[in-house]
Amino acid sequence: MLSACSSSPPVTQNPAPAPTGIRPGDVVKVEVWREADYTRDYLVDTRGVINLPQLGLLRVAGRTPEWLSDTITAGYRKVLANPTITVTVTMRVTVSGEVGRPGLLTVDPTTTVGELLALAGGPTPLGNRNKIQLVRNGRVIVTSLDAGTVLQRSPVQSGDQLFVPRRGWMARNGQYFINGAISVASAVTVALLVRR
């Protein structure tokens, strides 16, 4: 569970700007038309490298999917006749806490944090939408995910961890106290009226 303490990363209200290009932890799907042996998913390792058949190690960190597609196409032209290459980059992110389906998700780079929360089933009735925590690049960002917030519209990054905490005890049970207080006040009022 994420919590703020003296050794915790700084808590901010605005997310860090999204870095451009492919990052370690991303999954690169390379599809080579009519070439099943060359079509597969590659996890970008911590060095920012993938290992492709016939081409070997290729440093992809910081590069765009278009650059990667062009590079692989040029490389495979040496061993394949007229290759048609499609490159799709997906990112691994974690959603935990009070959500419908917590776990590790692989998402498209156009996915926003709000969409990521929806993919995880959204907050449960016990979830606190006003204290969503996003761990990104060692920083904890705490914010609300109401419609229109900056974080909701921000694109996810590979390695993001989204945590929906449980609402506080009073927030979950306050209605019972209010109803109980109203019932007690009503009973006292009725008792006072009966005495008159």
C-alpha atoms as a PDB file:
ATOM      1  CA  MET A   1       0.000   0.000   0.000  1.00  0.00           C
ATOM      2  CA  LEU A   2       1.274   3.451  -0.874  1.00  0.00           C
ATOM      3  CA  SER A   3       1.509   5.960   1.919  1.00  0.00           C
ATOM      4  CA  ALA A   4       3.159   9.278   2.493  1.00  0.00           C
ATOM      5  CA  CYS A   5       6.007   9.193   4.977  1.00  0.00           C
ATOM      6  CA  SER A   6       9.361  10.931   5.327  1.00  0.00           C
ATOM      7  CA  SER A   7      11.114   8.369   3.119  1.00  0.00           C
ATOM      8  CA  SER A   8       8.416   8.456   0.413  1.00  0.00           C
ATOM      9  CA  PRO A   9       8.974  10.145  -2.936  1.00  0.00           C
ATOM     10  CA  PRO A  10       7.655  13.710  -3.152  1.00  0.00           C
ATOM     11  CA  VAL A  11       3.906  14.050  -3.607  1.00  0.00           C
ATOM     12  CA  THR A  12       2.834  16.359  -6.426  1.00  0.00           C
ATOM     13  CA  GLN A  13      -0.426  17.389  -8.011  1.00  0.00           C
ATOM     14  CA  ASN A  14       0.679  17.398 -11.681  1.00  0.00           C
ATOM     15  CA  PRO A  15       2.094  14.468 -13.644  1.00  0.00           C
ATOM     16  CA  ALA A  16       5.563  14.603 -15.156  1.00  0.00           C
ATOM     17  CA  PRO A  17       5.583  15.175 -18.903  1.00  0.00           C
ATOM     18  CA  ALA A  18       5.477  11.963 -20.910  1.00  0.00           C
ATOM     19  CA  PRO A  19       8.803  11.037 -22.469  1.00  0.00           C
ATOM     20  CA  THR A  20       8.693  10.399 -26.176  1.00  0.00           C
ATOM     21  CA  GLY A  21       9.641   7.163 -27.836  1.00  0.00           C
ATOM     22  CA  ILE A  22       9.951   3.556 -26.808  1.00  0.00           C
ATOM     23  CA  ARG A  23      11.017   2.827 -23.216  1.00  0.00           C
ATOM     24  CA  PRO A  24      12.338  -0.172 -21.276  1.00  0.00           C
ATOM     25  CA  GLY A  25       9.361  -2.280 -20.193  1.00  0.00           C
ATOM     26  CA  ASP A  26       7.400  -1.578 -23.362  1.00  0.00           C
ATOM     27  CA  VAL A  27       6.326  -4.484 -25.531  1.00  0.00           C
ATOM     28  CA  VAL A  28       7.075  -4.169 -29.243  1.00  0.00           C
ATOM     29  CA  LYS A  29       4.890  -6.289 -31.502  1.00  0.00           C
ATOM     30  CA  VAL A  30       6.525  -6.843 -34.871  1.00  0.00           C
ATOM     31  CA  GLU A  31       4.326  -8.313 -37.590  1.00  0.00           C
ATOM     32  CA  VAL A  32       5.993  -9.345 -40.821  1.00  0.00           C
ATOM     33  CA  TRP A  33       3.327 -10.159 -43.388  1.00  0.00           C
ATOM     34  CA  ARG A  34       3.444 -13.822 -44.475  1.00  0.00           C
ATOM     35  CA  GLU A  35       6.470 -14.503 -42.260  1.00  0.00           C
ATOM     36  CA  ALA A  36       5.300 -16.225 -39.065  1.00  0.00           C
ATOM     37  CA  ASP A  37       8.904 -16.889 -37.934  1.00  0.00           C
ATOM     38  CA  TYR A  38       9.596 -13.163 -37.804  1.00  0.00           C
ATOM     39  CA  THR A  39       6.287 -12.131 -36.214  1.00  0.00           C
ATOM     40  CA  ARG A  40       6.308 -11.929 -32.426  1.00  0.00           C
ATOM     41  CA  ASP A  41       6.253  -9.713 -29.328  1.00  0.00           C
ATOM     42  CA  TYR A  42       9.509  -8.390 -27.864  1.00  0.00           C
ATOM     43  CA  LEU A  43       9.919  -6.990 -24.367  1.00  0.00           C
ATOM     44  CA  VAL A  44      12.240  -3.992 -24.371  1.00  0.00           C
ATOM     45  CA  ASP A  45      14.849  -4.906 -21.771  1.00  0.00           C
ATOM     46  CA  THR A  46      16.326  -2.587 -19.135  1.00  0.00           C
ATOM     47  CA  ARG A  47      19.053  -1.538 -21.591  1.00  0.00           C
ATOM     48  CA  GLY A  48      16.392  -0.426 -24.112  1.00  0.00           C
ATOM     49  CA  VAL A  49      17.214  -3.281 -26.485  1.00  0.00           C
ATOM     50  CA  ILE A  50      15.260  -5.977 -28.353  1.00  0.00           C
ATOM     51  CA  ASN A  51      16.732  -9.024 -30.117  1.00  0.00           C
ATOM     52  CA  LEU A  52      15.292  -9.634 -33.593  1.00  0.00           C
ATOM     53  CA  PRO A  53      15.775 -12.733 -35.767  1.00  0.00           C
ATOM     54  CA  GLN A  54      18.368 -12.113 -38.494  1.00  0.00           C
ATOM     55  CA  LEU A  55      18.981  -8.560 -37.262  1.00  0.00           C
ATOM     56  CA  GLY A  56      20.247  -9.264 -33.733  1.00  0.00           C
ATOM     57  CA  LEU A  57      20.280  -6.695 -30.934  1.00  0.00           C
ATOM     58  CA  LEU A  58      18.630  -3.391 -31.768  1.00  0.00           C
ATOM     59  CA  ARG A  59      18.643  -0.389 -29.406  1.00  0.00           C
ATOM     60  CA  VAL A  60      15.087   1.002 -29.492  1.00  0.00           C
ATOM     61  CA  ALA A  61      14.862   3.151 -26.340  1.00  0.00           C
ATOM     62  CA  GLY A  62      13.852   6.698 -27.224  1.00  0.00           C
ATOM     63  CA  ARG A  63      12.977   5.772 -30.799  1.00  0.00           C
ATOM     64  CA  THR A  64       9.532   6.035 -32.388  1.00  0.00           C
ATOM     65  CA  PRO A  65       7.519   3.082 -33.691  1.00  0.00           C
ATOM     66  CA  GLU A  66       7.862   4.612 -37.181  1.00  0.00           C
ATOM     67  CA  TRP A  67      11.674   4.641 -36.907  1.00  0.00           C
ATOM     68  CA  LEU A  68      11.610   1.059 -35.684  1.00  0.00           C
ATOM     69  CA  SER A  69       9.325  -0.012 -38.541  1.00  0.00           C
ATOM     70  CA  ASP A  70      11.601   1.662 -41.113  1.00  0.00           C
ATOM     71  CA  THR A  71      14.742   0.163 -39.552  1.00  0.00           C
ATOM     72  CA  ILE A  72      13.323  -3.367 -39.403  1.00  0.00           C
ATOM     73  CA  THR A  73      11.981  -3.080 -42.959  1.00  0.00           C
ATOM     74  CA  ALA A  74      15.408  -1.966 -44.237  1.00  0.00           C
ATOM     75  CA  GLY A  75      17.114  -4.790 -42.333  1.00  0.00           C
ATOM     76  CA  TYR A  76      14.709  -7.492 -43.510  1.00  0.00           C
ATOM     77  CA  ARG A  77      14.990  -6.325 -47.146  1.00  0.00           C
ATOM     78  CA  LYS A  78      18.416  -7.964 -47.068  1.00  0.00           C
ATOM     79  CA  VAL A  79      16.923 -11.399 -46.235  1.00  0.00           C
ATOM     80  CA  LEU A  80      13.260 -11.223 -47.356  1.00  0.00           C
ATOM     81  CA  ALA A  81      11.699 -10.254 -50.672  1.00  0.00           C
ATOM     82  CA  ASN A  82       9.531  -7.112 -50.331  1.00  0.00           C
ATOM     83  CA  PRO A  83       8.784  -7.334 -46.576  1.00  0.00           C
ATOM     84  CA  THR A  84       5.709  -5.573 -45.189  1.00  0.00           C
ATOM     85  CA  ILE A  85       6.284  -4.659 -41.530  1.00  0.00           C
ATOM     86  CA  THR A  86       3.833  -3.418 -38.909  1.00  0.00           C
ATOM     87  CA  VAL A  87       5.196  -2.308 -35.538  1.00  0.00           C
ATOM     88  CA  THR A  88       2.909  -1.727 -32.545  1.00  0.00           C
ATOM     89  CA  VAL A  89       4.242  -0.578 -29.182  1.00  0.00           C
ATOM     90  CA  THR A  90       2.265  -1.413 -26.039  1.00  0.00           C
ATOM     91  CA  MET A  91       3.081  -0.519 -22.450  1.00  0.00           C
ATOM     92  CA  ARG A  92       2.924  -2.529 -19.259  1.00  0.00           C
ATOM     93  CA  VAL A  93       1.183  -0.762 -16.382  1.00  0.00           C
ATOM     94  CA  THR A  94      -0.176  -1.892 -13.023  1.00  0.00           C
ATOM     95  CA  VAL A  95      -3.523  -0.997 -11.461  1.00  0.00           C
ATOM     96  CA  SER A  96      -4.152  -1.985  -7.840  1.00  0.00           C
ATOM     97  CA  GLY A  97      -6.263  -1.152  -4.820  1.00  0.00           C
ATOM     98  CA  GLU A  98     -10.016  -0.669  -4.897  1.00  0.00           C
ATOM     99  CA  VAL A  99     -10.657  -1.380  -8.588  1.00  0.00           C
ATOM    100  CA  GLY A 100     -12.830  -3.998 -10.268  1.00  0.00           C
ATOM    101  CA  ARG A 101      -9.976  -5.910 -11.951  1.00  0.00           C
ATOM    102  CA  PRO A 102      -6.568  -5.124 -10.425  1.00  0.00           C
ATOM    103  CA  GLY A 103      -3.441  -6.402 -12.131  1.00  0.00           C
ATOM    104  CA  LEU A 104      -0.840  -5.894 -14.828  1.00  0.00           C
ATOM    105  CA  LEU A 105      -2.248  -4.492 -18.076  1.00  0.00           C
ATOM    106  CA  THR A 106      -0.704  -4.064 -21.503  1.00  0.00           C
ATOM    107  CA  VAL A 107      -2.103  -0.944 -23.136  1.00  0.00           C
ATOM    108  CA  ASP A 108      -1.753   1.149 -26.271  1.00  0.00           C
ATOM    109  CA  PRO A 109       0.371   4.318 -25.946  1.00  0.00           C
ATOM    110  CA  THR A 110      -2.682   6.482 -26.661  1.00  0.00           C
ATOM    111  CA  THR A 111      -4.414   5.190 -23.498  1.00  0.00           C
ATOM    112  CA  THR A 112      -4.995   7.893 -20.890  1.00  0.00           C
ATOM    113  CA  VAL A 113      -4.867   7.388 -17.129  1.00  0.00           C
ATOM    114  CA  GLY A 114      -8.665   7.753 -16.995  1.00  0.00           C
ATOM    115  CA  GLU A 115      -9.060   5.066 -19.663  1.00  0.00           C
ATOM    116  CA  LEU A 116      -6.609   2.831 -17.791  1.00  0.00           C
ATOM    117  CA  LEU A 117      -8.776   3.076 -14.689  1.00  0.00           C
ATOM    118  CA  ALA A 118     -11.827   2.147 -16.795  1.00  0.00           C
ATOM    119  CA  LEU A 119      -9.972  -0.861 -18.284  1.00  0.00           C
ATOM    120  CA  ALA A 120      -9.313  -2.055 -14.722  1.00  0.00           C
ATOM    121  CA  GLY A 121     -13.049  -2.028 -14.002  1.00  0.00           C
ATOM    122  CA  GLY A 122     -13.140   1.426 -12.413  1.00  0.00           C
ATOM    123  CA  PRO A 123     -13.137   2.162  -8.693  1.00  0.00           C
ATOM    124  CA  THR A 124     -15.212  -0.126  -6.496  1.00  0.00           C
ATOM    125  CA  PRO A 125     -17.850   1.467  -4.230  1.00  0.00           C
ATOM    126  CA  LEU A 126     -15.169   1.485  -1.508  1.00  0.00           C
ATOM    127  CA  GLY A 127     -12.614   3.250  -3.744  1.00  0.00           C
ATOM    128  CA  ASN A 128     -11.613   6.862  -3.101  1.00  0.00           C
ATOM    129  CA  ARG A 129     -11.663   8.668  -6.483  1.00  0.00           C
ATOM    130  CA  ASN A 130     -10.363  11.830  -4.823  1.00  0.00           C
ATOM    131  CA  LYS A 131      -7.036  10.364  -3.669  1.00  0.00           C
ATOM    132  CA  ILE A 132      -5.877   8.338  -6.700  1.00  0.00           C
ATOM    133  CA  GLN A 133      -2.132   7.704  -6.529  1.00  0.00           C
ATOM    134  CA  LEU A 134       0.054   7.326  -9.603  1.00  0.00           C
ATOM    135  CA  VAL A 135       3.657   6.198  -9.144  1.00  0.00           C
ATOM    136  CA  ARG A 136       5.655   7.367 -12.165  1.00  0.00           C
ATOM    137  CA  ASN A 137       9.445   7.526 -12.418  1.00  0.00           C
ATOM    138  CA  GLY A 138       9.793   7.261  -8.631  1.00  0.00           C
ATOM    139  CA  ARG A 139       7.359  10.111  -7.932  1.00  0.00           C
ATOM    140  CA  VAL A 140       3.969   9.747  -6.278  1.00  0.00           C
ATOM    141  CA  ILE A 141       1.273  11.877  -7.869  1.00  0.00           C
ATOM    142  CA  VAL A 142      -1.917  12.183  -5.805  1.00  0.00           C
ATOM    143  CA  THR A 143      -5.002  13.640  -7.424  1.00  0.00           C
ATOM    144  CA  SER A 144      -8.680  13.270  -8.143  1.00  0.00           C
ATOM    145  CA  LEU A 145      -9.744  11.571 -11.338  1.00  0.00           C
ATOM    146  CA  ASP A 146     -12.835  13.653 -11.909  1.00  0.00           C
ATOM    147  CA  ALA A 147     -13.736  14.453 -15.507  1.00  0.00           C
ATOM    148  CA  GLY A 148     -11.463  17.093 -16.942  1.00  0.00           C
ATOM    149  CA  THR A 149      -8.519  16.712 -14.545  1.00  0.00           C
ATOM    150  CA  VAL A 150      -5.043  16.856 -16.042  1.00  0.00           C
ATOM    151  CA  LEU A 151      -4.164  13.372 -14.841  1.00  0.00           C
ATOM    152  CA  GLN A 152      -7.285  11.795 -16.316  1.00  0.00           C
ATOM    153  CA  ARG A 153      -6.368  13.099 -19.783  1.00  0.00           C
ATOM    154  CA  SER A 154      -2.626  12.322 -19.464  1.00  0.00           C
ATOM    155  CA  PRO A 155      -1.248   9.400 -21.467  1.00  0.00           C
ATOM    156  CA  VAL A 156       0.062   6.454 -19.474  1.00  0.00           C
ATOM    157  CA  GLN A 157       3.749   5.610 -19.475  1.00  0.00           C
ATOM    158  CA  SER A 158       5.367   2.220 -19.338  1.00  0.00           C
ATOM    159  CA  GLY A 159       5.867   1.198 -15.728  1.00  0.00           C
ATOM    160  CA  ASP A 160       3.105   3.419 -14.335  1.00  0.00           C
ATOM    161  CA  GLN A 161       1.463   2.115 -11.168  1.00  0.00           C
ATOM    162  CA  LEU A 162      -2.054   3.362 -10.479  1.00  0.00           C
ATOM    163  CA  PHE A 163      -3.417   2.817  -6.973  1.00  0.00           C
ATOM    164  CA  VAL A 164      -6.988   3.517  -5.843  1.00  0.00           C
ATOM    165  CA  PRO A 165      -7.069   3.661  -2.033  1.00  0.00           C
ATOM    166  CA  ARG A 166     -10.038   2.697   0.095  1.00  0.00           C
ATOM    167  CA  ARG A 167     -12.243   5.522   1.299  1.00  0.00           C
ATOM    168  CA  GLY A 168     -11.866   6.339   4.989  1.00  0.00           C
ATOM    169  CA  TRP A 169     -14.001   4.581   7.583  1.00  0.00           C
ATOM    170  CA  MET A 170     -16.156   7.652   8.203  1.00  0.00           C
ATOM    171  CA  ALA A 171     -16.678   8.227   4.474  1.00  0.00           C
ATOM    172  CA  ARG A 172     -17.804   4.607   4.081  1.00  0.00           C
ATOM    173  CA  ASN A 173     -20.007   4.534   7.192  1.00  0.00           C
ATOM    174  CA  GLY A 174     -20.937   8.182   7.762  1.00  0.00           C
ATOM    175  CA  GLN A 175     -24.403   7.687   6.306  1.00  0.00           C
ATOM    176  CA  TYR A 176     -25.237   5.216   9.073  1.00  0.00           C
ATOM    177  CA  PHE A 177     -24.212   7.752  11.731  1.00  0.00           C
ATOM    178  CA  ILE A 178     -26.238  10.485  10.060  1.00  0.00           C
ATOM    179  CA  ASN A 179     -29.273   8.199   9.809  1.00  0.00           C
ATOM    180  CA  GLY A 180     -28.747   7.100  13.404  1.00  0.00           C
ATOM    181  CA  ALA A 181     -28.420  10.699  14.585  1.00  0.00           C
ATOM    182  CA  ILE A 182     -31.596  11.650  12.704  1.00  0.00           C
ATOM    183  CA  SER A 183     -33.409   8.685  14.244  1.00  0.00           C
ATOM    184  CA  VAL A 184     -32.227   9.626  17.755  1.00  0.00           C
ATOM    185  CA  ALA A 185     -33.154  13.289  17.207  1.00  0.00           C
ATOM    186  CA  SER A 186     -36.577  12.240  15.922  1.00  0.00           C
ATOM    187  CA  ALA A 187     -37.101   9.960  18.917  1.00  0.00           C
ATOM    188  CA  VAL A 188     -36.097  12.729  21.338  1.00  0.00           C
ATOM    189  CA  THR A 189     -38.419  15.194  19.572  1.00  0.00           C
ATOM    190  CA  VAL A 190     -41.306  12.736  19.732  1.00  0.00           C
ATOM    191  CA  ALA A 191     -40.582  12.031  23.424  1.00  0.00           C
ATOM    192  CA  LEU A 192     -40.537  15.764  24.200  1.00  0.00           C
ATOM    193  CA  LEU A 193     -43.812  16.297  22.315  1.00  0.00           C
ATOM    194  CA  VAL A 194     -45.454  13.401  24.131  1.00  0.00           C
ATOM    195  CA  ARG A 195     -44.450  14.895  27.544  1.00  0.00           C
ATOM    196  CA  ARG A 196     -46.204  18.164  26.723  1.00  0.00           C
END
